[in-house]
């Protein structure tokens, strides 16, 4: 999502001029301690569980 672009070192600016939505800010705060690799490994099991697979 463009809203998260400023949070990552990709060079993309996304919505850098707008304040981040509360739900997005909460997600960033919740997972801030994880590396991108750890977060990527954690995400698929969560999605499968949410989808009931």
C-alpha atoms as a PDB file:
ATOM      1  CA  UNK A   1       0.000   0.000   0.000  1.00  0.00           C
ATOM      2  CA  UNK A   2       1.165   3.469  -0.763  1.00  0.00           C
ATOM      3  CA  UNK A   3       0.495   4.488   2.804  1.00  0.00           C
ATOM      4  CA  UNK A   4       3.360   2.263   3.991  1.00  0.00           C
ATOM      5  CA  UNK A   5       5.889   3.383   1.353  1.00  0.00           C
ATOM      6  CA  UNK A   6       7.514   6.027   3.589  1.00  0.00           C
ATOM      7  CA  UNK A   7       8.084   3.345   6.256  1.00  0.00           C
ATOM      8  CA  UNK A   8      10.412   1.251   4.068  1.00  0.00           C
ATOM      9  CA  UNK A   9      13.740   2.086   2.396  1.00  0.00           C
ATOM     10  CA  UNK A  10      12.463   1.589  -1.153  1.00  0.00           C
ATOM     11  CA  UNK A  11      12.854   5.138  -2.413  1.00  0.00           C
ATOM     12  CA  UNK A  12       9.115   5.375  -3.036  1.00  0.00           C
ATOM     13  CA  UNK A  13       7.443   8.282  -1.291  1.00  0.00           C
ATOM     14  CA  UNK A  14       3.838   7.113  -1.405  1.00  0.00           C
ATOM     15  CA  UNK A  15       1.545   9.292   0.673  1.00  0.00           C
ATOM     16  CA  UNK A  16       4.398  11.040   2.460  1.00  0.00           C
ATOM     17  CA  UNK A  17       2.465  14.303   2.783  1.00  0.00           C
ATOM     18  CA  UNK A  18      -0.502  12.779   4.594  1.00  0.00           C
ATOM     19  CA  UNK A  19      -0.717  11.569   8.169  1.00  0.00           C
ATOM     20  CA  UNK A  20      -0.875   7.791   8.445  1.00  0.00           C
ATOM     21  CA  UNK A  21      -4.267   6.323   9.362  1.00  0.00           C
ATOM     22  CA  UNK A  22      -4.607   5.070  12.931  1.00  0.00           C
ATOM     23  CA  UNK A  23      -5.021   1.410  11.888  1.00  0.00           C
ATOM     24  CA  UNK A  24      -1.897   1.573   9.722  1.00  0.00           C
ATOM     25  CA  UNK A  25       0.093   3.321  12.442  1.00  0.00           C
ATOM     26  CA  UNK A  26      -1.035   0.645  14.929  1.00  0.00           C
ATOM     27  CA  UNK A  27       0.117  -2.111  12.554  1.00  0.00           C
ATOM     28  CA  UNK A  28       3.512  -0.449  12.122  1.00  0.00           C
ATOM     29  CA  UNK A  29       3.890  -0.067  15.873  1.00  0.00           C
ATOM     30  CA  UNK A  30       2.840  -3.653  16.537  1.00  0.00           C
ATOM     31  CA  UNK A  31       5.332  -5.200  14.116  1.00  0.00           C
ATOM     32  CA  UNK A  32       8.104  -2.622  14.362  1.00  0.00           C
ATOM     33  CA  UNK A  33      10.451  -5.042  16.145  1.00  0.00           C
ATOM     34  CA  UNK A  34      10.341  -7.618  13.330  1.00  0.00           C
ATOM     35  CA  UNK A  35      12.708  -7.618  10.409  1.00  0.00           C
ATOM     36  CA  UNK A  36      11.073  -7.604   6.993  1.00  0.00           C
ATOM     37  CA  UNK A  37      12.128 -11.252   6.565  1.00  0.00           C
ATOM     38  CA  UNK A  38      10.583 -12.275   9.890  1.00  0.00           C
ATOM     39  CA  UNK A  39       7.381 -10.407   9.096  1.00  0.00           C
ATOM     40  CA  UNK A  40       7.208 -12.045   5.650  1.00  0.00           C
ATOM     41  CA  UNK A  41       7.589 -15.479   7.270  1.00  0.00           C
ATOM     42  CA  UNK A  42       4.926 -14.705   9.881  1.00  0.00           C
ATOM     43  CA  UNK A  43       2.311 -13.361   7.462  1.00  0.00           C
ATOM     44  CA  UNK A  44       1.297 -16.445   5.388  1.00  0.00           C
ATOM     45  CA  UNK A  45       0.268 -18.590   8.401  1.00  0.00           C
ATOM     46  CA  UNK A  46      -1.803 -15.695   9.719  1.00  0.00           C
ATOM     47  CA  UNK A  47      -3.570 -15.216   6.400  1.00  0.00           C
ATOM     48  CA  UNK A  48      -4.254 -18.935   6.068  1.00  0.00           C
ATOM     49  CA  UNK A  49      -5.739 -18.984   9.557  1.00  0.00           C
ATOM     50  CA  UNK A  50      -7.902 -15.936   8.842  1.00  0.00           C
ATOM     51  CA  UNK A  51      -9.122 -17.518   5.614  1.00  0.00           C
ATOM     52  CA  UNK A  52      -9.944 -20.764   7.416  1.00  0.00           C
ATOM     53  CA  UNK A  53      -7.472 -22.886   5.456  1.00  0.00           C
END
